[in-house]
PDB file of N, CA and C in Angstrom:
ATOM      1  N   UNK A   1     -73.499  45.221  21.887  1.00  0.00           N
ATOM      2  CA  UNK A   1     -74.573  45.156  20.932  1.00  0.00           C
ATOM      3  C   UNK A   1     -75.783  45.824  21.564  1.00  0.00           C
ATOM      4  N   UNK A   2     -76.383  46.752  20.860  1.00  0.00           N
ATOM      5  CA  UNK A   2     -77.529  47.474  21.384  1.00  0.00           C
ATOM      6  C   UNK A   2     -78.797  46.652  21.221  1.00  0.00           C
ATOM      7  N   UNK A   3     -79.673  46.812  22.187  1.00  0.00           N
ATOM      8  CA  UNK A   3     -80.950  46.121  22.120  1.00  0.00           C
ATOM      9  C   UNK A   3     -81.860  46.887  21.174  1.00  0.00           C
ATOM     10  N   UNK A   4     -82.305  46.202  20.128  1.00  0.00           N
ATOM     11  CA  UNK A   4     -83.242  46.802  19.192  1.00  0.00           C
ATOM     12  C   UNK A   4     -84.464  45.898  19.147  1.00  0.00           C
ATOM     13  N   UNK A   5     -84.869  45.499  17.984  1.00  0.00           N
ATOM     14  CA  UNK A   5     -85.990  44.585  17.853  1.00  0.00           C
ATOM     15  C   UNK A   5     -85.588  43.227  18.421  1.00  0.00           C
ATOM     16  N   UNK A   6     -86.439  42.644  19.224  1.00  0.00           N
ATOM     17  CA  UNK A   6     -86.157  41.366  19.865  1.00  0.00           C
ATOM     18  C   UNK A   6     -86.088  40.256  18.824  1.00  0.00           C
ATOM     19  N   UNK A   7     -84.938  39.629  18.719  1.00  0.00           N
ATOM     20  CA  UNK A   7     -84.781  38.498  17.817  1.00  0.00           C
ATOM     21  C   UNK A   7     -85.312  37.247  18.486  1.00  0.00           C
ATOM     22  N   UNK A   8     -85.700  36.285  17.694  1.00  0.00           N
ATOM     23  CA  UNK A   8     -86.230  35.034  18.202  1.00  0.00           C
ATOM     24  C   UNK A   8     -85.285  33.859  17.949  1.00  0.00           C
ATOM     25  N   UNK A   9     -84.214  34.081  17.179  1.00  0.00           N
ATOM     26  CA  UNK A   9     -83.290  32.994  16.884  1.00  0.00           C
ATOM     27  C   UNK A   9     -81.911  33.570  16.591  1.00  0.00           C
ATOM     28  N   UNK A  10     -80.915  32.693  16.666  1.00  0.00           N
ATOM     29  CA  UNK A  10     -79.567  33.059  16.269  1.00  0.00           C
ATOM     30  C   UNK A  10     -78.844  31.804  15.830  1.00  0.00           C
ATOM     31  N   UNK A  11     -77.751  31.984  15.101  1.00  0.00           N
ATOM     32  CA  UNK A  11     -76.971  30.857  14.612  1.00  0.00           C
ATOM     33  C   UNK A  11     -76.034  30.393  15.719  1.00  0.00           C
ATOM     34  N   UNK A  12     -76.125  29.125  16.055  1.00  0.00           N
ATOM     35  CA  UNK A  12     -75.202  28.520  17.023  1.00  0.00           C
ATOM     36  C   UNK A  12     -74.229  27.675  16.203  1.00  0.00           C
ATOM     37  N   UNK A  13     -73.086  28.247  15.887  1.00  0.00           N
ATOM     38  CA  UNK A  13     -72.086  27.534  15.104  1.00  0.00           C
ATOM     39  C   UNK A  13     -71.574  26.335  15.887  1.00  0.00           C
ATOM     40  N   UNK A  14     -71.275  25.261  15.164  1.00  0.00           N
ATOM     41  CA  UNK A  14     -70.747  24.066  15.802  1.00  0.00           C
ATOM     42  C   UNK A  14     -69.480  24.348  16.586  1.00  0.00           C
ATOM     43  N   UNK A  15     -68.676  25.268  16.106  1.00  0.00           N
ATOM     44  CA  UNK A  15     -67.423  25.591  16.794  1.00  0.00           C
ATOM     45  C   UNK A  15     -67.679  26.205  18.167  1.00  0.00           C
ATOM     46  N   UNK A  16     -68.818  26.895  18.333  1.00  0.00           N
ATOM     47  CA  UNK A  16     -69.146  27.446  19.644  1.00  0.00           C
ATOM     48  C   UNK A  16     -69.295  26.323  20.659  1.00  0.00           C
ATOM     49  N   UNK A  17     -69.994  25.270  20.261  1.00  0.00           N
ATOM     50  CA  UNK A  17     -70.223  24.148  21.173  1.00  0.00           C
ATOM     51  C   UNK A  17     -68.994  23.267  21.321  1.00  0.00           C
ATOM     52  N   UNK A  18     -68.281  23.039  20.223  1.00  0.00           N
ATOM     53  CA  UNK A  18     -67.068  22.220  20.289  1.00  0.00           C
ATOM     54  C   UNK A  18     -66.042  22.829  21.228  1.00  0.00           C
ATOM     55  N   UNK A  19     -65.994  24.139  21.281  1.00  0.00           N
ATOM     56  CA  UNK A  19     -64.995  24.807  22.110  1.00  0.00           C
ATOM     57  C   UNK A  19     -65.299  24.716  23.599  1.00  0.00           C
ATOM     58  N   UNK A  20     -66.529  24.361  23.955  1.00  0.00           N
ATOM     59  CA  UNK A  20     -66.903  24.329  25.375  1.00  0.00           C
ATOM     60  C   UNK A  20     -67.416  22.976  25.851  1.00  0.00           C
ATOM     61  N   UNK A  21     -67.384  21.974  24.996  1.00  0.00           N
ATOM     62  CA  UNK A  21     -67.963  20.684  25.388  1.00  0.00           C
ATOM     63  C   UNK A  21     -67.229  20.031  26.551  1.00  0.00           C
ATOM     64  N   UNK A  22     -66.037  20.475  26.843  1.00  0.00           N
ATOM     65  CA  UNK A  22     -65.239  19.934  27.949  1.00  0.00           C
ATOM     66  C   UNK A  22     -65.603  20.576  29.290  1.00  0.00           C
ATOM     67  N   UNK A  23     -66.371  21.665  29.256  1.00  0.00           N
ATOM     68  CA  UNK A  23     -66.727  22.349  30.496  1.00  0.00           C
ATOM     69  C   UNK A  23     -67.683  21.490  31.340  1.00  0.00           C
ATOM     70  N   UNK A  24     -67.563  21.565  32.661  1.00  0.00           N
ATOM     71  CA  UNK A  24     -68.546  20.895  33.523  1.00  0.00           C
ATOM     72  C   UNK A  24     -69.951  21.464  33.262  1.00  0.00           C
ATOM     73  N   UNK A  25     -70.980  20.702  33.608  1.00  0.00           N
ATOM     74  CA  UNK A  25     -72.369  21.039  33.298  1.00  0.00           C
ATOM     75  C   UNK A  25     -72.801  22.451  33.608  1.00  0.00           C
ATOM     76  N   UNK A  26     -72.532  22.941  34.819  1.00  0.00           N
ATOM     77  CA  UNK A  26     -72.974  24.294  35.188  1.00  0.00           C
ATOM     78  C   UNK A  26     -72.242  25.362  34.380  1.00  0.00           C
ATOM     79  N   UNK A  27     -70.966  25.146  34.107  1.00  0.00           N
ATOM     80  CA  UNK A  27     -70.204  26.108  33.305  1.00  0.00           C
ATOM     81  C   UNK A  27     -70.674  26.098  31.852  1.00  0.00           C
ATOM     82  N   UNK A  28     -70.955  24.902  31.334  1.00  0.00           N
ATOM     83  CA  UNK A  28     -71.478  24.788  29.971  1.00  0.00           C
ATOM     84  C   UNK A  28     -72.805  25.546  29.865  1.00  0.00           C
ATOM     85  N   UNK A  29     -73.664  25.338  30.851  1.00  0.00           N
ATOM     86  CA  UNK A  29     -74.965  26.012  30.872  1.00  0.00           C
ATOM     87  C   UNK A  29     -74.786  27.527  30.929  1.00  0.00           C
ATOM     88  N   UNK A  30     -73.870  28.001  31.767  1.00  0.00           N
ATOM     89  CA  UNK A  30     -73.631  29.442  31.865  1.00  0.00           C
ATOM     90  C   UNK A  30     -73.188  30.012  30.521  1.00  0.00           C
ATOM     91  N   UNK A  31     -72.287  29.307  29.845  1.00  0.00           N
ATOM     92  CA  UNK A  31     -71.796  29.760  28.540  1.00  0.00           C
ATOM     93  C   UNK A  31     -72.953  29.873  27.542  1.00  0.00           C
ATOM     94  N   UNK A  32     -73.741  28.814  27.429  1.00  0.00           N
ATOM     95  CA  UNK A  32     -74.829  28.796  26.453  1.00  0.00           C
ATOM     96  C   UNK A  32     -75.864  29.880  26.771  1.00  0.00           C
ATOM     97  N   UNK A  33     -76.217  30.024  28.037  1.00  0.00           N
ATOM     98  CA  UNK A  33     -77.209  31.038  28.408  1.00  0.00           C
ATOM     99  C   UNK A  33     -76.673  32.454  28.205  1.00  0.00           C
ATOM    100  N   UNK A  34     -75.405  32.689  28.518  1.00  0.00           N
ATOM    101  CA  UNK A  34     -74.817  34.006  28.280  1.00  0.00           C
ATOM    102  C   UNK A  34     -74.771  34.328  26.793  1.00  0.00           C
ATOM    103  N   UNK A  35     -74.421  33.329  25.984  1.00  0.00           N
ATOM    104  CA  UNK A  35     -74.378  33.536  24.543  1.00  0.00           C
ATOM    105  C   UNK A  35     -75.786  33.795  24.007  1.00  0.00           C
ATOM    106  N   UNK A  36     -76.759  33.053  24.488  1.00  0.00           N
ATOM    107  CA  UNK A  36     -78.155  33.262  24.084  1.00  0.00           C
ATOM    108  C   UNK A  36     -78.625  34.669  24.444  1.00  0.00           C
ATOM    109  N   UNK A  37     -78.362  35.085  25.681  1.00  0.00           N
ATOM    110  CA  UNK A  37     -78.795  36.409  26.108  1.00  0.00           C
ATOM    111  C   UNK A  37     -78.125  37.501  25.300  1.00  0.00           C
ATOM    112  N   UNK A  38     -76.864  37.301  24.956  1.00  0.00           N
ATOM    113  CA  UNK A  38     -76.146  38.284  24.142  1.00  0.00           C
ATOM    114  C   UNK A  38     -76.751  38.364  22.742  1.00  0.00           C
ATOM    115  N   UNK A  39     -76.990  37.201  22.139  1.00  0.00           N
ATOM    116  CA  UNK A  39     -77.476  37.165  20.757  1.00  0.00           C
ATOM    117  C   UNK A  39     -78.924  37.620  20.628  1.00  0.00           C
ATOM    118  N   UNK A  40     -79.763  37.247  21.561  1.00  0.00           N
ATOM    119  CA  UNK A  40     -81.190  37.521  21.416  1.00  0.00           C
ATOM    120  C   UNK A  40     -81.667  38.767  22.147  1.00  0.00           C
ATOM    121  N   UNK A  41     -81.024  39.090  23.255  1.00  0.00           N
ATOM    122  CA  UNK A  41     -81.506  40.193  24.080  1.00  0.00           C
ATOM    123  C   UNK A  41     -80.544  41.372  24.155  1.00  0.00           C
ATOM    124  N   UNK A  42     -79.328  41.189  23.624  1.00  0.00           N
ATOM    125  CA  UNK A  42     -78.344  42.253  23.686  1.00  0.00           C
ATOM    126  C   UNK A  42     -77.745  42.437  25.068  1.00  0.00           C
ATOM    127  N   UNK A  43     -77.904  41.446  25.938  1.00  0.00           N
ATOM    128  CA  UNK A  43     -77.374  41.519  27.300  1.00  0.00           C
ATOM    129  C   UNK A  43     -75.972  40.939  27.305  1.00  0.00           C
ATOM    130  N   UNK A  44     -75.004  41.751  27.675  1.00  0.00           N
ATOM    131  CA  UNK A  44     -73.594  41.345  27.664  1.00  0.00           C
ATOM    132  C   UNK A  44     -73.134  41.111  29.095  1.00  0.00           C
ATOM    133  N   UNK A  45     -73.217  39.869  29.540  1.00  0.00           N
ATOM    134  CA  UNK A  45     -72.835  39.513  30.912  1.00  0.00           C
ATOM    135  C   UNK A  45     -71.381  39.082  30.960  1.00  0.00           C
ATOM    136  N   UNK A  46     -70.728  39.446  32.042  1.00  0.00           N
ATOM    137  CA  UNK A  46     -69.381  38.944  32.295  1.00  0.00           C
ATOM    138  C   UNK A  46     -69.490  37.699  33.149  1.00  0.00           C
ATOM    139  N   UNK A  47     -68.521  36.813  32.976  1.00  0.00           N
ATOM    140  CA  UNK A  47     -68.471  35.606  33.784  1.00  0.00           C
ATOM    141  C   UNK A  47     -67.271  35.691  34.718  1.00  0.00           C
ATOM    142  N   UNK A  48     -67.420  35.153  35.905  1.00  0.00           N
ATOM    143  CA  UNK A  48     -66.292  35.090  36.826  1.00  0.00           C
ATOM    144  C   UNK A  48     -65.317  33.993  36.410  1.00  0.00           C
ATOM    145  N   UNK A  49     -65.779  33.062  35.582  1.00  0.00           N
ATOM    146  CA  UNK A  49     -64.933  31.983  35.088  1.00  0.00           C
ATOM    147  C   UNK A  49     -64.128  32.519  33.900  1.00  0.00           C
ATOM    148  N   UNK A  50     -62.795  32.559  34.011  1.00  0.00           N
ATOM    149  CA  UNK A  50     -61.998  33.122  32.923  1.00  0.00           C
ATOM    150  C   UNK A  50     -62.091  32.319  31.630  1.00  0.00           C
ATOM    151  N   UNK A  51     -62.340  31.024  31.720  1.00  0.00           N
ATOM    152  CA  UNK A  51     -62.490  30.222  30.505  1.00  0.00           C
ATOM    153  C   UNK A  51     -63.752  30.625  29.755  1.00  0.00           C
ATOM    154  N   UNK A  52     -64.851  30.748  30.488  1.00  0.00           N
ATOM    155  CA  UNK A  52     -66.112  31.150  29.868  1.00  0.00           C
ATOM    156  C   UNK A  52     -65.985  32.553  29.289  1.00  0.00           C
ATOM    157  N   UNK A  53     -65.385  33.456  30.042  1.00  0.00           N
ATOM    158  CA  UNK A  53     -65.219  34.840  29.579  1.00  0.00           C
ATOM    159  C   UNK A  53     -64.410  34.876  28.279  1.00  0.00           C
ATOM    160  N   UNK A  54     -63.335  34.100  28.220  1.00  0.00           N
ATOM    161  CA  UNK A  54     -62.508  34.071  27.017  1.00  0.00           C
ATOM    162  C   UNK A  54     -63.222  33.456  25.825  1.00  0.00           C
ATOM    163  N   UNK A  55     -63.945  32.380  26.059  1.00  0.00           N
ATOM    164  CA  UNK A  55     -64.671  31.722  24.977  1.00  0.00           C
ATOM    165  C   UNK A  55     -65.816  32.591  24.459  1.00  0.00           C
ATOM    166  N   UNK A  56     -66.476  33.295  25.351  1.00  0.00           N
ATOM    167  CA  UNK A  56     -67.504  34.227  24.905  1.00  0.00           C
ATOM    168  C   UNK A  56     -66.891  35.363  24.092  1.00  0.00           C
ATOM    169  N   UNK A  57     -65.697  35.781  24.482  1.00  0.00           N
ATOM    170  CA  UNK A  57     -65.012  36.837  23.746  1.00  0.00           C
ATOM    171  C   UNK A  57     -64.714  36.458  22.309  1.00  0.00           C
ATOM    172  N   UNK A  58     -64.524  35.170  22.072  1.00  0.00           N
ATOM    173  CA  UNK A  58     -64.292  34.685  20.711  1.00  0.00           C
ATOM    174  C   UNK A  58     -65.610  34.596  19.943  1.00  0.00           C
ATOM    175  N   UNK A  59     -66.668  34.169  20.602  1.00  0.00           N
ATOM    176  CA  UNK A  59     -67.955  33.956  19.930  1.00  0.00           C
ATOM    177  C   UNK A  59     -68.714  35.253  19.658  1.00  0.00           C
ATOM    178  N   UNK A  60     -68.613  36.222  20.545  1.00  0.00           N
ATOM    179  CA  UNK A  60     -69.434  37.431  20.435  1.00  0.00           C
ATOM    180  C   UNK A  60     -69.239  38.207  19.132  1.00  0.00           C
ATOM    181  N   UNK A  61     -68.015  38.369  18.624  1.00  0.00           N
ATOM    182  CA  UNK A  61     -67.894  39.088  17.350  1.00  0.00           C
ATOM    183  C   UNK A  61     -68.616  38.390  16.193  1.00  0.00           C
ATOM    184  N   UNK A  62     -68.619  37.061  16.184  1.00  0.00           N
ATOM    185  CA  UNK A  62     -69.333  36.324  15.142  1.00  0.00           C
ATOM    186  C   UNK A  62     -70.839  36.506  15.279  1.00  0.00           C
ATOM    187  N   UNK A  63     -71.326  36.463  16.498  1.00  0.00           N
ATOM    188  CA  UNK A  63     -72.753  36.678  16.757  1.00  0.00           C
ATOM    189  C   UNK A  63     -73.134  38.110  16.376  1.00  0.00           C
ATOM    190  N   UNK A  64     -72.281  39.065  16.719  1.00  0.00           N
ATOM    191  CA  UNK A  64     -72.547  40.474  16.404  1.00  0.00           C
ATOM    192  C   UNK A  64     -72.612  40.688  14.893  1.00  0.00           C
ATOM    193  N   UNK A  65     -71.662  40.094  14.146  1.00  0.00           N
ATOM    194  CA  UNK A  65     -71.683  40.246  12.683  1.00  0.00           C
ATOM    195  C   UNK A  65     -72.922  39.622  12.070  1.00  0.00           C
ATOM    196  N   UNK A  66     -73.319  38.453  12.570  1.00  0.00           N
ATOM    197  CA  UNK A  66     -74.531  37.807  12.065  1.00  0.00           C
ATOM    198  C   UNK A  66     -75.757  38.680  12.349  1.00  0.00           C
ATOM    199  N   UNK A  67     -75.806  39.294  13.528  1.00  0.00           N
ATOM    200  CA  UNK A  67     -76.926  40.176  13.881  1.00  0.00           C
ATOM    201  C   UNK A  67     -76.945  41.410  12.980  1.00  0.00           C
ATOM    202  N   UNK A  68     -75.780  41.931  12.651  1.00  0.00           N
ATOM    203  CA  UNK A  68     -75.710  43.094  11.755  1.00  0.00           C
ATOM    204  C   UNK A  68     -76.188  42.725  10.359  1.00  0.00           C
ATOM    205  N   UNK A  69     -75.819  41.534   9.870  1.00  0.00           N
ATOM    206  CA  UNK A  69     -76.287  41.081   8.557  1.00  0.00           C
ATOM    207  C   UNK A  69     -77.805  40.921   8.576  1.00  0.00           C
ATOM    208  N   UNK A  70     -78.341  40.368   9.661  1.00  0.00           N
ATOM    209  CA  UNK A  70     -79.784  40.178   9.795  1.00  0.00           C
ATOM    210  C   UNK A  70     -80.491  41.531   9.773  1.00  0.00           C
ATOM    211  N   UNK A  71     -79.929  42.478  10.528  1.00  0.00           N
ATOM    212  CA  UNK A  71     -80.526  43.817  10.600  1.00  0.00           C
ATOM    213  C   UNK A  71     -80.485  44.497   9.233  1.00  0.00           C
ATOM    214  N   UNK A  72     -79.354  44.407   8.531  1.00  0.00           N
ATOM    215  CA  UNK A  72     -79.239  45.011   7.203  1.00  0.00           C
ATOM    216  C   UNK A  72     -80.206  44.364   6.217  1.00  0.00           C
ATOM    217  N   UNK A  73     -80.302  43.041   6.260  1.00  0.00           N
ATOM    218  CA  UNK A  73     -81.207  42.346   5.347  1.00  0.00           C
ATOM    219  C   UNK A  73     -82.653  42.732   5.634  1.00  0.00           C
ATOM    220  N   UNK A  74     -82.989  42.836   6.892  1.00  0.00           N
ATOM    221  CA  UNK A  74     -84.362  43.217   7.269  1.00  0.00           C
ATOM    222  C   UNK A  74     -84.656  44.647   6.809  1.00  0.00           C
ATOM    223  N   UNK A  75     -83.674  45.539   6.995  1.00  0.00           N
ATOM    224  CA  UNK A  75     -83.848  46.929   6.603  1.00  0.00           C
ATOM    225  C   UNK A  75     -84.019  47.051   5.086  1.00  0.00           C
ATOM    226  N   UNK A  76     -83.276  46.234   4.328  1.00  0.00           N
ATOM    227  CA  UNK A  76     -83.307  46.308   2.890  1.00  0.00           C
ATOM    228  C   UNK A  76     -84.388  45.425   2.266  1.00  0.00           C
ATOM    229  N   UNK A  77     -85.161  44.751   3.094  1.00  0.00           N
ATOM    230  CA  UNK A  77     -86.244  43.914   2.587  1.00  0.00           C
ATOM    231  C   UNK A  77     -85.783  42.609   1.990  1.00  0.00           C
ATOM    232  N   UNK A  78     -84.567  42.174   2.310  1.00  0.00           N
ATOM    233  CA  UNK A  78     -84.027  40.949   1.720  1.00  0.00           C
ATOM    234  C   UNK A  78     -84.086  39.765   2.660  1.00  0.00           C
ATOM    235  N   UNK A  79     -84.622  39.925   3.822  1.00  0.00           N
ATOM    236  CA  UNK A  79     -84.665  38.829   4.767  1.00  0.00           C
ATOM    237  C   UNK A  79     -85.481  37.681   4.192  1.00  0.00           C
ATOM    238  N   UNK A  80     -84.855  36.527   4.091  1.00  0.00           N
ATOM    239  CA  UNK A  80     -85.532  35.359   3.573  1.00  0.00           C
ATOM    240  C   UNK A  80     -85.534  35.258   2.064  1.00  0.00           C
ATOM    241  N   UNK A  81     -84.942  36.224   1.383  1.00  0.00           N
ATOM    242  CA  UNK A  81     -84.873  36.186  -0.076  1.00  0.00           C
ATOM    243  C   UNK A  81     -83.455  35.847  -0.505  1.00  0.00           C
ATOM    244  N   UNK A  82     -83.338  35.328  -1.707  1.00  0.00           N
ATOM    245  CA  UNK A  82     -82.000  35.054  -2.224  1.00  0.00           C
ATOM    246  C   UNK A  82     -81.351  36.354  -2.662  1.00  0.00           C
ATOM    247  N   UNK A  83     -80.066  36.412  -2.485  1.00  0.00           N
ATOM    248  CA  UNK A  83     -79.291  37.598  -2.875  1.00  0.00           C
ATOM    249  C   UNK A  83     -78.532  37.269  -4.151  1.00  0.00           C
ATOM    250  N   UNK A  84     -78.332  38.268  -4.991  1.00  0.00           N
ATOM    251  CA  UNK A  84     -77.476  38.019  -6.136  1.00  0.00           C
ATOM    252  C   UNK A  84     -78.037  38.422  -7.374  1.00  0.00           C
TER     253      UNK A  84
END
């Protein structure tokens, strides 16, 4: 994901957290911070932990699609407006 305008928020789906709630504290923190950096800053970090790397691989496409929808809505002037 390319870094464009700095976003201030992203959707944290419940499934993202449910999938990692079993991780020990430091690993859980690494996952959440890596996901945050990817969603908000466009920074794509690899993890040495294969579980974290795999779980991020599942979450990143959803985050990327949400960011693309946000970008399209902003470009088209529909951000915050109802569609339809």
